[in-house]
Amino acid sequence: MTGPASTAALPLARLLGHAADAVGAVRAGQSLNDALARCPVPARPGTQALAFHALRWLGAAEVVRRRLAPKTPPPEVESLLLVALALLWPPGDPPYADHTLVDQAVAATTRRAPRSAGFVNAVLRRFGREREVIVAAALAEPLARFNHPGWWLDRLRADWPDRWQAIADADNVHPPMTLRVNVRRTTAAAYLDTLAAHGIDAVASGGAAISLVRPVPVTQLPGFAEGIVSVQDANAQLAAPLLLAVPLPPGARVLDACAAPGGKTAHLLELADLDLLAVDRDAARLARVDATLARLGLRAETRVADAAAPARWWDGRPFAAILLDAPCSSSGIVRRHPDVRWLRRGSDLPVLAATQARLLDALWPLLAPGGRLLYVTCSVFSNEGSAQIDAFLQRAGDAALSASPPSPGQLLPLPDNDETPPSPGFPGAADGFFLALIEKLPSTPKKTAR
């Protein structure tokens, strides 16, 4: 059996070495994106494919490694061994034949740590011989069964006692590649025809969303460079239409707080003519907003600033609408970012919740009476969603959840949580998000004493 097409150009042993470096960096607390940025460009696609697979099954690989080699090997050997064990773990059709993977893993070890090549060979071959028994024993441990840290599973179990296992399992499924059609330029139906003409199978996913049956590089998407289409999860595409459900007049002032990388910023401008200010504290990430808008032929003012400190950047003119895509645990998009589950700590959640509350309190005074603020997180944890908004509504006496349209609330990364029913051929559920649309009640004139 051959591996993914993206790995075909380079020897598997070399890609395994790069993937081991990336996984080792994640285990040391670095993001996968940063680790991949250090990988040679020709090896990056194949390395990413292997690293994604390894991180999805890293818990199982760690349990098996401890069982087969109780003494922890050196980091450069352990990370390679974990990548190989994750690739040999039986979640389904393995990407490589066992003998090919073992041979190439040993070759990679010979390059990295020659004295450990025999050790790696012995561990992997024993796993191949005794896989059924070893896997059955490993699955008794939650880390191997669900491939999430224990604190994460505890949080899911507390928030979703009837669905936590399904959510954890969904996190290990490849996410669909979903597109957002630029409705200023074309329609979803017309773009479906364009995709079909290029031999790309896709299905409508509601609104301007189209999901590909099989992912393709963006460079192969017709019209991508010209701004006809963008990549954005179907549930993420709910934000802009929800905030604009009550139409705003042309030129209305809108704030996109914590705007990077700019998908929702662009969607707002595709739907309406707005005087939009996009704020983000990270200059490098904000540059991605500018690049996205340039590709799409859209314009907005972008500003490097801390949205939680408006005194430093706000000109005093109220906004008709505010989108707050708040920093969060990213627990709803872990399928797309499999390193997140291994980088986060349970202690991060109270810090993130405090940041979200601070942003809500800081931005609320900037909203005009009668305006709407949309609070969004890509999280499935209730303290970043329903609990956060319940607390804010108790603090803000002039705030109320919108009745028309109603807020979607919590959307889980499960098929029955999608806004639209699955279409035939649709490859999977949308990501986990929380969306709450909050109205600012008009001020009531005070009665004068007689």
Protein backbone atom coordinates (compact mmCIF):
# COMPACT_ATOMS: atom_id res chain seq x y z
CA MET A 1 0.00 0.00 0.00
CA THR A 2 1.27 3.46 -0.78
CA GLY A 3 0.95 6.49 1.44
CA PRO A 4 -0.80 9.82 0.83
CA ALA A 5 -0.04 11.47 -2.48
CA SER A 6 1.52 14.44 -0.72
CA THR A 7 4.31 12.21 0.62
CA ALA A 8 5.27 10.62 -2.70
CA ALA A 9 7.95 13.10 -3.74
CA LEU A 10 10.35 12.44 -0.83
CA PRO A 11 11.58 9.25 0.88
CA LEU A 12 9.30 8.19 3.70
CA ALA A 13 12.25 7.93 6.09
CA ARG A 14 12.99 11.61 5.65
CA LEU A 15 9.35 12.59 6.13
CA LEU A 16 9.14 10.46 9.26
CA GLY A 17 12.12 12.34 10.65
CA HIS A 18 10.51 15.71 9.96
CA ALA A 19 7.19 14.50 11.42
CA ALA A 20 9.01 13.28 14.54
CA ASP A 21 10.58 16.73 14.94
CA ALA A 22 7.14 18.35 14.63
CA VAL A 23 5.48 15.98 17.11
CA GLY A 24 8.39 16.38 19.51
CA ALA A 25 8.00 20.16 19.31
CA VAL A 26 4.28 19.90 20.13
CA ARG A 27 5.01 17.64 23.10
CA ALA A 28 7.48 20.32 24.26
CA GLY A 29 4.75 22.98 24.12
CA GLN A 30 5.18 24.50 20.65
CA SER A 31 2.38 24.87 18.11
CA LEU A 32 2.36 22.58 15.11
CA ASN A 33 2.25 25.57 12.76
CA ASP A 34 5.50 26.90 14.22
CA ALA A 35 7.09 23.48 14.02
CA LEU A 36 6.06 23.01 10.38
CA ALA A 37 7.40 26.46 9.51
CA ARG A 38 10.87 25.12 10.31
CA CYS A 39 10.42 22.14 8.00
CA PRO A 40 11.97 22.36 4.50
CA VAL A 41 9.33 23.60 2.07
CA PRO A 42 9.41 20.55 -0.24
CA ALA A 43 8.82 18.25 2.74
CA ARG A 44 6.13 20.33 4.39
CA PRO A 45 2.94 18.82 2.85
CA GLY A 46 4.00 15.24 3.52
CA THR A 47 5.28 16.10 6.98
CA GLN A 48 2.01 17.81 7.86
CA ALA A 49 -0.01 14.79 6.74
CA LEU A 50 2.06 12.44 8.90
CA ALA A 51 2.11 14.81 11.88
CA PHE A 52 -1.66 15.31 11.75
CA HIS A 53 -2.20 11.56 11.79
CA ALA A 54 0.29 11.07 14.61
CA LEU A 55 -1.27 13.80 16.77
CA ARG A 56 -4.76 12.38 16.31
CA TRP A 57 -3.57 9.02 17.69
CA LEU A 58 -0.82 10.27 19.98
CA GLY A 59 -2.55 9.10 23.16
CA ALA A 60 -2.72 5.52 21.89
CA ALA A 61 0.89 5.69 20.73
CA GLU A 62 2.06 6.91 24.15
CA VAL A 63 0.22 4.11 25.95
CA VAL A 64 1.67 1.46 23.61
CA ARG A 65 5.16 2.91 23.89
CA ARG A 66 5.03 2.69 27.70
CA ARG A 67 3.83 -0.90 27.50
CA LEU A 68 6.49 -2.02 25.04
CA ALA A 69 9.34 0.15 26.34
CA PRO A 70 8.76 1.16 29.98
CA LYS A 71 12.04 3.06 30.09
CA THR A 72 11.62 6.38 28.27
CA PRO A 73 14.00 6.61 25.31
CA PRO A 74 15.80 9.84 24.34
CA PRO A 75 13.41 12.52 23.00
CA GLU A 76 14.57 12.29 19.37
CA VAL A 77 14.00 8.52 19.45
CA GLU A 78 10.74 8.64 21.38
CA SER A 79 9.12 11.14 19.03
CA LEU A 80 9.97 9.01 16.01
CA LEU A 81 8.73 5.88 17.75
CA LEU A 82 5.45 7.62 18.63
CA VAL A 83 4.90 8.73 15.03
CA ALA A 84 5.51 5.18 13.79
CA LEU A 85 3.24 3.61 16.43
CA ALA A 86 0.48 6.11 15.63
CA LEU A 87 0.74 5.18 11.96
CA LEU A 88 0.56 1.49 12.88
CA TRP A 89 -2.40 1.99 15.24
CA PRO A 90 -5.52 0.48 13.67
CA PRO A 91 -8.14 3.27 13.42
CA GLY A 92 -8.96 2.08 9.91
CA ASP A 93 -7.07 1.64 6.69
CA PRO A 94 -3.38 2.24 7.54
CA PRO A 95 -1.56 4.74 5.30
CA TYR A 96 1.42 2.39 4.80
CA ALA A 97 2.05 -1.34 4.78
CA ASP A 98 3.58 -2.47 8.08
CA HIS A 99 6.83 -3.69 6.56
CA THR A 100 7.32 -0.44 4.65
CA LEU A 101 6.70 1.71 7.71
CA VAL A 102 8.97 -0.33 9.98
CA ASP A 103 11.76 -0.38 7.43
CA GLN A 104 11.57 3.39 6.88
CA ALA A 105 11.25 4.16 10.60
CA VAL A 106 14.44 2.18 11.24
CA ALA A 107 16.15 4.05 8.40
CA ALA A 108 15.04 7.35 9.91
CA THR A 109 16.36 6.27 13.32
CA THR A 110 19.68 5.34 11.77
CA ARG A 111 19.99 8.92 10.55
CA ARG A 112 18.95 10.43 13.90
CA ALA A 113 20.32 8.07 16.52
CA PRO A 114 22.15 5.08 14.99
CA ARG A 115 22.56 3.23 18.28
CA SER A 116 18.78 3.15 18.75
CA ALA A 117 17.93 1.65 15.36
CA GLY A 118 17.82 -1.90 16.72
CA PHE A 119 15.63 -0.80 19.64
CA VAL A 120 13.11 0.90 17.34
CA ASN A 121 13.09 -2.10 15.02
CA ALA A 122 12.39 -4.47 17.92
CA VAL A 123 9.57 -2.37 19.39
CA LEU A 124 7.78 -1.88 16.06
CA ARG A 125 8.12 -5.51 15.00
CA ARG A 126 6.81 -6.71 18.34
CA PHE A 127 3.83 -4.41 17.99
CA GLY A 128 3.18 -5.86 14.54
CA ARG A 129 3.34 -9.44 15.86
CA GLU A 130 1.22 -8.86 18.99
CA ARG A 131 -0.94 -5.96 17.79
CA GLU A 132 -4.33 -7.45 18.58
CA VAL A 133 -3.46 -8.22 22.21
CA ILE A 134 -1.53 -4.98 22.75
CA VAL A 135 -4.30 -2.82 21.28
CA ALA A 136 -6.98 -4.54 23.37
CA ALA A 137 -5.00 -3.93 26.56
CA ALA A 138 -4.19 -0.32 25.62
CA LEU A 139 -7.84 0.51 24.93
CA ALA A 140 -8.60 -0.08 28.60
CA GLU A 141 -6.87 3.25 29.24
CA PRO A 142 -8.93 6.38 28.35
CA LEU A 143 -5.83 8.06 26.89
CA ALA A 144 -5.60 5.35 24.21
CA ARG A 145 -9.36 4.94 23.74
CA PHE A 146 -10.10 8.65 23.20
CA ASN A 147 -6.71 10.24 22.44
CA HIS A 148 -7.37 13.28 24.64
CA PRO A 149 -5.79 14.34 27.93
CA GLY A 150 -7.67 13.27 31.02
CA TRP A 151 -8.66 16.81 32.06
CA TRP A 152 -10.19 17.39 28.60
CA LEU A 153 -12.29 14.23 28.86
CA ASP A 154 -13.39 15.23 32.37
CA ARG A 155 -14.56 18.60 31.05
CA LEU A 156 -16.45 17.01 28.15
CA ARG A 157 -18.07 14.52 30.50
CA ALA A 158 -19.21 17.30 32.86
CA ASP A 159 -20.59 19.50 30.07
CA TRP A 160 -22.03 16.77 27.82
CA PRO A 161 -22.72 13.68 29.97
CA ASP A 162 -24.67 11.93 27.19
CA ARG A 163 -22.48 12.97 24.26
CA TRP A 164 -18.93 13.34 25.49
CA GLN A 165 -17.73 10.09 23.93
CA ALA A 166 -19.22 10.99 20.55
CA ILE A 167 -17.53 14.41 20.68
CA ALA A 168 -14.17 12.89 21.57
CA ASP A 169 -14.48 10.36 18.76
CA ALA A 170 -15.48 13.08 16.29
CA ASP A 171 -12.29 14.95 17.13
CA ASN A 172 -10.30 12.14 15.52
CA VAL A 173 -12.19 12.22 12.21
CA HIS A 174 -10.80 14.13 9.25
CA PRO A 175 -12.86 17.34 8.92
CA PRO A 176 -14.58 18.26 5.69
CA MET A 177 -13.07 20.93 3.47
CA THR A 178 -15.81 23.53 3.18
CA LEU A 179 -15.81 26.56 0.92
CA ARG A 180 -17.57 29.92 1.14
CA VAL A 181 -18.66 31.34 -2.17
CA ASN A 182 -18.20 35.09 -2.58
CA VAL A 183 -21.81 36.06 -3.27
CA ARG A 184 -20.68 39.40 -4.70
CA ARG A 185 -19.15 37.44 -7.57
CA THR A 186 -21.22 34.29 -8.08
CA THR A 187 -23.67 31.86 -6.45
CA ALA A 188 -23.21 28.54 -4.71
CA ALA A 189 -25.16 26.77 -7.47
CA ALA A 190 -23.02 28.32 -10.20
CA TYR A 191 -19.80 27.48 -8.40
CA LEU A 192 -20.94 23.88 -7.93
CA ASP A 193 -21.22 23.69 -11.70
CA THR A 194 -17.72 25.16 -12.04
CA LEU A 195 -16.31 22.57 -9.66
CA ALA A 196 -18.03 19.77 -11.54
CA ALA A 197 -16.53 21.05 -14.79
CA HIS A 198 -13.09 20.76 -13.17
CA GLY A 199 -13.77 17.23 -11.93
CA ILE A 200 -14.09 18.23 -8.25
CA ASP A 201 -16.95 16.49 -6.40
CA ALA A 202 -18.81 18.74 -3.98
CA VAL A 203 -22.19 19.20 -2.30
CA ALA A 204 -24.16 22.24 -1.18
CA SER A 205 -24.06 22.79 2.58
CA GLY A 206 -26.54 25.65 2.93
CA GLY A 207 -26.24 29.36 2.21
CA ALA A 208 -22.95 30.12 0.48
CA ALA A 209 -21.29 26.95 1.82
CA ILE A 210 -20.05 24.09 -0.35
CA SER A 211 -18.32 20.99 1.03
CA LEU A 212 -15.86 19.00 -1.03
CA VAL A 213 -16.20 15.23 -1.02
CA ARG A 214 -12.39 15.07 -1.04
CA PRO A 215 -10.10 17.96 -0.07
CA VAL A 216 -7.89 19.57 -2.70
CA PRO A 217 -5.13 22.19 -2.45
CA VAL A 218 -6.54 25.72 -2.68
CA THR A 219 -4.38 26.28 -5.75
CA GLN A 220 -6.60 23.75 -7.55
CA LEU A 221 -9.83 25.58 -6.69
CA PRO A 222 -11.06 27.46 -9.77
CA GLY A 223 -11.22 31.19 -9.07
CA PHE A 224 -9.56 31.04 -5.65
CA ALA A 225 -6.77 33.47 -6.54
CA GLU A 226 -9.36 35.78 -8.10
CA GLY A 227 -11.46 35.92 -4.92
CA ILE A 228 -14.39 33.80 -6.11
CA VAL A 229 -14.21 31.43 -3.13
CA SER A 230 -12.62 31.02 0.29
CA VAL A 231 -12.12 28.13 2.70
CA GLN A 232 -14.28 28.38 5.83
CA ASP A 233 -16.11 25.84 7.99
CA ALA A 234 -19.88 25.70 7.53
CA ASN A 235 -20.65 26.64 11.15
CA ALA A 236 -18.16 29.52 11.02
CA GLN A 237 -20.15 30.78 8.05
CA LEU A 238 -23.20 31.26 10.29
CA ALA A 239 -21.66 34.26 12.06
CA ALA A 240 -21.81 37.01 9.44
CA PRO A 241 -25.38 36.32 8.22
CA LEU A 242 -26.56 36.13 11.84
CA LEU A 243 -25.08 39.51 12.74
CA LEU A 244 -26.56 41.02 9.57
CA ALA A 245 -29.95 39.27 9.80
CA VAL A 246 -31.47 42.65 10.53
CA PRO A 247 -30.05 44.61 7.57
CA LEU A 248 -27.80 47.56 8.31
CA PRO A 249 -27.86 50.72 6.16
CA PRO A 250 -24.99 51.11 3.68
CA GLY A 251 -21.90 52.46 5.38
CA ALA A 252 -22.96 51.36 8.86
CA ARG A 253 -20.10 51.25 11.35
CA VAL A 254 -19.21 47.67 12.33
CA LEU A 255 -16.42 46.42 14.57
CA ASP A 256 -14.76 43.03 14.10
CA ALA A 257 -12.85 42.48 17.32
CA CYS A 258 -10.11 39.83 17.47
CA ALA A 259 -10.49 39.69 13.69
CA ALA A 260 -7.55 37.56 12.54
CA PRO A 261 -7.23 35.55 10.38
CA GLY A 262 -10.11 37.36 8.68
CA GLY A 263 -12.60 34.79 7.41
CA LYS A 264 -15.56 36.37 9.20
CA THR A 265 -14.30 39.88 8.38
CA ALA A 266 -14.40 39.06 4.68
CA HIS A 267 -17.78 37.34 4.95
CA LEU A 268 -19.34 40.44 6.50
CA LEU A 269 -18.05 42.57 3.63
CA GLU A 270 -19.21 40.07 1.02
CA LEU A 271 -22.74 40.42 2.40
CA ALA A 272 -23.01 44.17 2.98
CA ASP A 273 -21.43 47.57 2.30
CA LEU A 274 -20.01 48.45 5.70
CA ASP A 275 -17.63 50.88 7.32
CA LEU A 276 -15.78 48.06 9.04
CA LEU A 277 -12.93 48.28 11.52
CA ALA A 278 -11.02 45.03 12.09
CA VAL A 279 -8.94 44.97 15.27
CA ASP A 280 -6.42 42.38 16.41
CA ARG A 281 -3.49 42.61 18.80
CA ASP A 282 -1.26 40.31 16.72
CA ALA A 283 0.32 42.26 13.84
CA ALA A 284 1.43 39.13 11.96
CA ARG A 285 -2.03 37.60 12.12
CA LEU A 286 -3.66 40.90 11.18
CA ALA A 287 -1.52 40.94 8.04
CA ARG A 288 -3.40 37.80 7.02
CA VAL A 289 -6.65 39.79 7.23
CA ASP A 290 -5.21 42.38 4.85
CA ALA A 291 -4.06 39.66 2.46
CA THR A 292 -7.47 37.97 2.49
CA LEU A 293 -9.30 41.24 1.82
CA ALA A 294 -6.90 42.08 -1.02
CA ARG A 295 -7.49 38.69 -2.66
CA LEU A 296 -11.25 39.17 -2.43
CA GLY A 297 -11.20 42.78 -3.58
CA LEU A 298 -12.71 44.06 -0.32
CA ARG A 299 -11.79 47.02 1.86
CA ALA A 300 -11.78 47.59 5.61
CA GLU A 301 -9.73 49.52 8.12
CA THR A 302 -7.43 47.19 10.03
CA ARG A 303 -5.70 48.21 13.24
CA VAL A 304 -3.22 46.47 15.53
CA ALA A 305 -4.77 47.01 18.96
CA ASP A 306 -6.04 45.25 22.05
CA ALA A 307 -9.81 45.02 21.68
CA ALA A 308 -10.11 44.88 25.48
CA ALA A 309 -8.55 48.35 25.80
CA PRO A 310 -10.74 50.56 23.55
CA ALA A 311 -9.57 53.77 25.23
CA ARG A 312 -6.37 53.37 23.23
CA TRP A 313 -8.00 53.10 19.79
CA TRP A 314 -11.74 53.94 19.82
CA ASP A 315 -12.73 57.35 18.43
CA GLY A 316 -15.92 57.57 20.50
CA ARG A 317 -18.35 56.91 17.64
CA PRO A 318 -20.66 53.98 18.47
CA PHE A 319 -20.88 50.89 16.30
CA ALA A 320 -24.13 49.57 14.86
CA ALA A 321 -22.89 46.00 15.22
CA ILE A 322 -19.94 44.23 16.82
CA LEU A 323 -18.54 40.78 16.08
CA LEU A 324 -16.53 39.40 18.99
CA ASP A 325 -14.75 36.23 17.89
CA ALA A 326 -13.21 35.75 21.31
CA PRO A 327 -9.97 33.91 22.10
CA CYS A 328 -10.86 30.46 23.39
CA SER A 329 -9.64 26.90 23.93
CA SER A 330 -10.31 25.99 20.25
CA SER A 331 -11.86 22.77 21.57
CA GLY A 332 -14.44 22.81 18.76
CA ILE A 333 -11.87 22.79 15.94
CA VAL A 334 -9.44 20.22 17.30
CA ARG A 335 -10.02 18.06 14.20
CA ARG A 336 -8.35 20.78 12.12
CA HIS A 337 -5.73 21.56 14.75
CA PRO A 338 -4.91 18.22 16.40
CA ASP A 339 -2.05 19.75 18.37
CA VAL A 340 -4.47 21.88 20.43
CA ARG A 341 -5.55 19.04 22.71
CA TRP A 342 -1.92 18.35 23.65
CA LEU A 343 -0.96 22.02 24.06
CA ARG A 344 -3.87 23.16 26.22
CA ARG A 345 -3.94 22.70 29.98
CA GLY A 346 -6.97 22.65 32.23
CA SER A 347 -5.59 25.73 33.95
CA ASP A 348 -5.91 27.65 30.65
CA LEU A 349 -9.71 27.63 30.77
CA PRO A 350 -10.25 30.05 33.69
CA VAL A 351 -7.72 32.43 32.12
CA LEU A 352 -9.48 32.30 28.76
CA ALA A 353 -12.89 32.74 30.41
CA ALA A 354 -11.62 35.85 32.22
CA THR A 355 -10.33 37.25 28.91
CA GLN A 356 -13.69 36.63 27.25
CA ALA A 357 -15.53 38.37 30.08
CA ARG A 358 -13.13 41.32 29.94
CA LEU A 359 -13.70 41.68 26.19
CA LEU A 360 -17.48 41.58 26.55
CA ASP A 361 -17.44 44.23 29.26
CA ALA A 362 -15.00 46.46 27.36
CA LEU A 363 -16.79 46.32 24.01
CA TRP A 364 -20.38 46.58 25.17
CA PRO A 365 -20.24 50.36 25.78
CA LEU A 366 -19.05 50.83 22.18
CA LEU A 367 -22.33 49.45 20.81
CA ALA A 368 -25.11 51.87 19.91
CA PRO A 369 -28.52 51.40 21.61
CA GLY A 370 -30.53 48.99 19.48
CA GLY A 371 -27.32 47.50 18.08
CA ARG A 372 -26.27 43.88 18.19
CA LEU A 373 -23.15 42.11 19.40
CA LEU A 374 -22.41 38.59 18.23
CA TYR A 375 -20.27 36.57 20.64
CA VAL A 376 -18.52 33.62 18.99
CA THR A 377 -16.11 30.97 20.24
CA CYS A 378 -14.89 27.83 18.48
CA SER A 379 -15.32 25.90 21.71
CA VAL A 380 -17.48 23.07 23.05
CA PHE A 381 -16.80 23.92 26.71
CA SER A 382 -19.75 25.56 28.46
CA ASN A 383 -17.65 28.00 30.50
CA GLU A 384 -16.66 29.62 27.17
CA GLY A 385 -20.21 29.55 25.84
CA SER A 386 -23.52 29.44 27.68
CA ALA A 387 -22.05 30.06 31.14
CA GLN A 388 -20.08 33.04 29.84
CA ILE A 389 -23.13 34.66 28.24
CA ASP A 390 -25.41 33.92 31.20
CA ALA A 391 -22.96 35.74 33.46
CA PHE A 392 -22.67 38.69 31.07
CA LEU A 393 -26.44 39.10 30.81
CA GLN A 394 -26.61 39.29 34.59
CA ARG A 395 -23.92 42.01 34.64
CA ALA A 396 -25.32 44.11 31.79
CA GLY A 397 -28.77 45.43 32.56
CA ASP A 398 -29.31 46.68 28.99
CA ALA A 399 -28.48 43.39 27.24
CA ALA A 400 -30.80 40.63 26.05
CA LEU A 401 -30.48 37.62 23.79
CA SER A 402 -31.97 38.23 20.38
CA ALA A 403 -35.37 36.66 19.84
CA SER A 404 -35.42 37.26 16.08
CA PRO A 405 -33.31 35.67 14.84
CA PRO A 406 -32.64 33.41 17.80
CA SER A 407 -29.09 32.57 18.74
CA PRO A 408 -27.85 29.15 17.61
CA GLY A 409 -26.14 28.67 20.98
CA GLN A 410 -23.89 25.62 21.19
CA LEU A 411 -23.17 23.69 18.01
CA LEU A 412 -21.26 20.44 18.52
CA PRO A 413 -19.03 18.81 15.87
CA LEU A 414 -21.64 16.11 15.32
CA PRO A 415 -23.92 15.55 12.31
CA ASP A 416 -27.16 16.26 14.15
CA ASN A 417 -25.84 19.64 15.32
CA ASP A 418 -25.50 21.09 11.83
CA GLU A 419 -27.87 23.86 10.81
CA THR A 420 -28.76 21.92 7.66
CA PRO A 421 -29.28 18.17 7.31
CA PRO A 422 -26.38 16.20 5.82
CA SER A 423 -26.39 16.00 2.03
CA PRO A 424 -25.67 12.76 0.18
CA GLY A 425 -21.90 12.40 -0.08
CA PHE A 426 -21.22 14.99 2.63
CA PRO A 427 -17.97 13.89 4.28
CA GLY A 428 -18.59 14.95 7.88
CA ALA A 429 -20.07 17.33 10.41
CA ALA A 430 -19.14 20.99 10.76
CA ASP A 431 -16.93 22.28 13.57
CA GLY A 432 -17.96 23.01 17.15
CA PHE A 433 -18.97 26.63 17.77
CA PHE A 434 -20.92 28.73 20.22
CA LEU A 435 -22.82 31.75 18.88
CA ALA A 436 -24.89 34.19 20.94
CA LEU A 437 -26.52 37.28 19.39
CA ILE A 438 -27.09 39.97 22.02
CA GLU A 439 -29.23 43.09 21.58
CA LYS A 440 -28.53 46.38 23.31
CA LEU A 441 -31.84 47.60 24.68
CA PRO A 442 -32.76 51.22 23.99
CA SER A 443 -32.24 53.45 27.00
CA THR A 444 -35.40 54.34 28.91
CA PRO A 445 -35.88 58.05 29.63
CA LYS A 446 -35.79 58.79 33.33
CA LYS A 447 -39.00 60.14 34.87
CA THR A 448 -38.73 63.58 36.38
CA ALA A 449 -40.13 64.14 39.84
CA ARG A 450 -43.16 66.36 40.19
